[in-house]
């Protein structure tokens, strides 16, 4: 869920919490991003308290082209 709205993620085959040691529901701090790996069952990402959220000023790049999933192949708006 993002802002209380269920997200459509057809590219995620296993919809489990994977390895997580944070308490849910979880509130993302202001100016931070909760990042998830694409292999949810084995990714070490924001669900791990050692990684946590990424602060906005730590993001230095921008995605402009997607290659997966194939039906969304192309430039990102």
N, C-alpha and C. Protein backbone atom coordinates (compact mmCIF):
# COMPACT_ATOMS: atom_id res chain seq x y z
N UNK A 1 0.83 -1.18 0.00
CA UNK A 1 0.00 0.00 0.00
C UNK A 1 0.88 1.24 0.00
N UNK A 2 0.45 2.26 -0.72
CA UNK A 2 1.08 3.57 -0.69
C UNK A 2 -0.02 4.57 -0.42
N UNK A 3 0.13 5.33 0.64
CA UNK A 3 -0.89 6.29 1.05
C UNK A 3 -2.27 5.65 1.14
N UNK A 4 -2.30 4.42 1.66
CA UNK A 4 -3.55 3.72 1.85
C UNK A 4 -4.14 3.09 0.62
N UNK A 5 -3.45 3.18 -0.52
CA UNK A 5 -3.97 2.61 -1.77
C UNK A 5 -3.15 1.38 -2.16
N UNK A 6 -3.85 0.27 -2.41
CA UNK A 6 -3.20 -0.96 -2.85
C UNK A 6 -2.52 -0.74 -4.18
N UNK A 7 -1.27 -1.14 -4.29
CA UNK A 7 -0.51 -0.97 -5.52
C UNK A 7 -0.63 -2.20 -6.40
N UNK A 8 -0.81 -1.98 -7.69
CA UNK A 8 -0.86 -3.07 -8.65
C UNK A 8 0.57 -3.39 -9.06
N UNK A 9 1.06 -4.56 -8.71
CA UNK A 9 2.43 -4.97 -9.02
C UNK A 9 2.43 -6.33 -9.71
N UNK A 10 1.99 -6.39 -10.96
CA UNK A 10 1.89 -7.68 -11.65
C UNK A 10 3.25 -8.35 -11.88
N UNK A 11 4.33 -7.59 -11.78
CA UNK A 11 5.68 -8.12 -11.99
C UNK A 11 6.21 -8.85 -10.76
N UNK A 12 5.53 -8.76 -9.62
CA UNK A 12 5.96 -9.43 -8.40
C UNK A 12 5.25 -10.77 -8.33
N UNK A 13 6.02 -11.87 -8.40
CA UNK A 13 5.39 -13.19 -8.41
C UNK A 13 5.08 -13.70 -7.01
N UNK A 14 5.89 -13.34 -6.01
CA UNK A 14 5.64 -13.78 -4.64
C UNK A 14 5.35 -12.57 -3.79
N UNK A 15 4.12 -12.45 -3.36
CA UNK A 15 3.72 -11.28 -2.58
C UNK A 15 3.80 -11.58 -1.09
N UNK A 16 5.03 -11.75 -0.62
CA UNK A 16 5.24 -11.96 0.81
C UNK A 16 6.14 -10.86 1.34
N UNK A 17 6.32 -10.82 2.63
CA UNK A 17 7.15 -9.79 3.23
C UNK A 17 8.64 -10.07 3.09
N UNK A 18 8.99 -11.27 2.67
CA UNK A 18 10.40 -11.61 2.56
C UNK A 18 11.07 -11.49 3.91
N UNK A 19 12.34 -11.18 3.91
CA UNK A 19 13.09 -11.01 5.14
C UNK A 19 12.88 -9.59 5.66
N UNK A 20 12.19 -9.47 6.79
CA UNK A 20 11.87 -8.15 7.32
C UNK A 20 11.98 -8.16 8.83
N UNK A 21 12.63 -7.14 9.38
CA UNK A 21 12.71 -7.03 10.83
C UNK A 21 12.15 -5.69 11.34
N UNK A 22 11.30 -5.06 10.51
CA UNK A 22 10.65 -3.83 10.94
C UNK A 22 9.21 -4.12 11.32
N UNK A 23 8.62 -3.22 12.07
CA UNK A 23 7.24 -3.42 12.52
C UNK A 23 6.28 -2.73 11.55
N UNK A 24 5.24 -3.45 11.16
CA UNK A 24 4.22 -2.92 10.26
C UNK A 24 2.97 -2.57 11.04
N UNK A 25 2.18 -1.57 10.65
CA UNK A 25 2.43 -0.70 9.53
C UNK A 25 3.64 0.19 9.81
N UNK A 26 4.31 0.60 8.75
CA UNK A 26 5.54 1.38 8.84
C UNK A 26 5.34 2.74 8.18
N UNK A 27 5.73 3.78 8.87
CA UNK A 27 5.61 5.13 8.31
C UNK A 27 6.98 5.58 7.81
N UNK A 28 7.04 5.91 6.53
CA UNK A 28 8.29 6.37 5.91
C UNK A 28 8.52 7.82 6.36
N UNK A 29 9.72 8.11 6.87
CA UNK A 29 10.01 9.48 7.30
C UNK A 29 9.92 10.47 6.13
N UNK A 30 9.65 11.73 6.44
CA UNK A 30 9.61 12.78 5.43
C UNK A 30 10.93 12.83 4.67
N UNK A 31 10.86 13.14 3.39
CA UNK A 31 12.02 13.26 2.50
C UNK A 31 12.82 11.97 2.41
N UNK A 32 12.15 10.83 2.58
CA UNK A 32 12.80 9.52 2.48
C UNK A 32 11.99 8.62 1.57
N UNK A 33 12.63 7.57 1.10
CA UNK A 33 11.99 6.62 0.20
C UNK A 33 12.19 5.21 0.71
N UNK A 34 11.12 4.42 0.67
CA UNK A 34 11.14 3.01 1.05
C UNK A 34 11.39 2.23 -0.22
N UNK A 35 12.55 1.60 -0.33
CA UNK A 35 12.91 0.91 -1.57
C UNK A 35 12.79 -0.61 -1.40
N UNK A 36 12.31 -1.26 -2.46
CA UNK A 36 12.14 -2.71 -2.47
C UNK A 36 12.89 -3.30 -3.65
N UNK A 37 13.56 -4.43 -3.39
CA UNK A 37 14.21 -5.13 -4.48
C UNK A 37 13.20 -5.85 -5.34
N UNK A 38 13.59 -6.20 -6.56
CA UNK A 38 12.64 -6.86 -7.47
C UNK A 38 12.42 -8.33 -7.13
N UNK A 39 13.30 -8.95 -6.37
CA UNK A 39 13.11 -10.32 -5.93
C UNK A 39 12.73 -10.26 -4.46
N UNK A 40 11.46 -9.98 -4.19
CA UNK A 40 11.00 -9.65 -2.85
C UNK A 40 11.30 -10.70 -1.79
N UNK A 41 11.35 -11.98 -2.16
CA UNK A 41 11.56 -13.00 -1.13
C UNK A 41 13.00 -13.06 -0.65
N UNK A 42 13.96 -12.54 -1.42
CA UNK A 42 15.37 -12.61 -1.01
C UNK A 42 16.10 -11.27 -0.98
N UNK A 43 15.46 -10.20 -1.41
CA UNK A 43 16.13 -8.90 -1.46
C UNK A 43 16.39 -8.35 -0.07
N UNK A 44 17.54 -7.72 0.10
CA UNK A 44 17.83 -6.99 1.33
C UNK A 44 17.63 -5.52 0.97
N UNK A 45 16.57 -4.93 1.51
CA UNK A 45 16.17 -3.58 1.11
C UNK A 45 15.64 -2.83 2.32
N UNK A 46 14.75 -1.89 2.13
CA UNK A 46 14.26 -1.06 3.23
C UNK A 46 13.50 -1.86 4.29
N UNK A 47 13.14 -3.09 4.01
CA UNK A 47 12.48 -3.93 5.01
C UNK A 47 13.45 -4.40 6.07
N UNK A 48 14.74 -4.18 5.86
CA UNK A 48 15.77 -4.56 6.81
C UNK A 48 16.23 -3.31 7.54
N UNK A 49 16.19 -3.33 8.87
CA UNK A 49 16.53 -2.13 9.65
C UNK A 49 17.98 -1.69 9.47
N UNK A 50 18.86 -2.58 9.01
CA UNK A 50 20.24 -2.18 8.73
C UNK A 50 20.33 -1.31 7.47
N UNK A 51 19.39 -1.47 6.56
CA UNK A 51 19.35 -0.68 5.33
C UNK A 51 18.45 0.53 5.54
N UNK A 52 17.21 0.27 5.89
CA UNK A 52 16.26 1.34 6.14
C UNK A 52 15.88 2.12 4.90
N UNK A 53 15.27 3.26 5.13
CA UNK A 53 14.84 4.12 4.03
C UNK A 53 16.03 4.89 3.47
N UNK A 54 15.88 5.35 2.25
CA UNK A 54 16.91 6.15 1.59
C UNK A 54 16.45 7.60 1.65
N UNK A 55 17.31 8.46 2.17
CA UNK A 55 16.98 9.88 2.24
C UNK A 55 17.06 10.50 0.86
N UNK A 56 16.18 11.45 0.59
CA UNK A 56 16.10 12.07 -0.73
C UNK A 56 17.42 12.61 -1.23
N UNK A 57 18.22 13.22 -0.37
CA UNK A 57 19.49 13.80 -0.82
C UNK A 57 20.53 12.74 -1.17
N UNK A 58 20.27 11.48 -0.82
CA UNK A 58 21.18 10.38 -1.16
C UNK A 58 20.93 9.84 -2.58
N UNK A 59 19.81 10.21 -3.18
CA UNK A 59 19.48 9.74 -4.52
C UNK A 59 20.13 10.67 -5.53
N UNK A 60 21.04 10.12 -6.33
CA UNK A 60 21.81 10.96 -7.25
C UNK A 60 21.49 10.71 -8.72
N UNK A 61 20.70 9.70 -9.01
CA UNK A 61 20.38 9.39 -10.40
C UNK A 61 18.89 9.40 -10.63
N UNK A 62 18.53 9.24 -11.88
CA UNK A 62 17.12 9.20 -12.24
C UNK A 62 16.92 8.12 -13.30
N UNK A 63 15.91 7.29 -13.10
CA UNK A 63 15.59 6.25 -14.07
C UNK A 63 14.83 6.91 -15.22
N UNK A 64 15.26 6.65 -16.44
CA UNK A 64 14.56 7.23 -17.58
C UNK A 64 14.17 6.19 -18.62
N UNK A 65 14.61 4.92 -18.43
CA UNK A 65 14.30 3.88 -19.40
C UNK A 65 14.12 2.55 -18.66
N UNK A 66 13.06 1.84 -18.98
CA UNK A 66 12.79 0.54 -18.35
C UNK A 66 12.93 -0.58 -19.38
N UNK A 67 13.52 -1.69 -18.95
CA UNK A 67 13.61 -2.85 -19.83
C UNK A 67 12.77 -4.02 -19.31
N UNK A 68 12.26 -3.89 -18.10
CA UNK A 68 11.43 -4.95 -17.52
C UNK A 68 10.39 -4.32 -16.63
N UNK A 69 9.19 -4.78 -16.65
CA UNK A 69 8.64 -5.85 -17.45
C UNK A 69 8.54 -5.44 -18.93
N UNK A 70 8.58 -6.44 -19.79
CA UNK A 70 8.64 -6.16 -21.23
C UNK A 70 7.48 -5.31 -21.73
N UNK A 71 6.30 -5.48 -21.13
CA UNK A 71 5.15 -4.70 -21.61
C UNK A 71 5.31 -3.20 -21.29
N UNK A 72 6.24 -2.84 -20.40
CA UNK A 72 6.52 -1.43 -20.09
C UNK A 72 7.87 -0.99 -20.64
N UNK A 73 8.43 -1.74 -21.57
CA UNK A 73 9.72 -1.42 -22.16
C UNK A 73 9.68 -0.05 -22.80
N UNK A 74 10.61 0.81 -22.46
CA UNK A 74 10.68 2.13 -23.10
C UNK A 74 10.97 3.23 -22.10
N UNK A 75 10.84 4.45 -22.57
CA UNK A 75 11.12 5.61 -21.74
C UNK A 75 10.08 5.76 -20.63
N UNK A 76 10.53 6.21 -19.48
CA UNK A 76 9.64 6.44 -18.34
C UNK A 76 9.22 7.90 -18.34
N UNK A 77 7.95 8.13 -18.13
CA UNK A 77 7.42 9.50 -18.18
C UNK A 77 7.75 10.24 -16.92
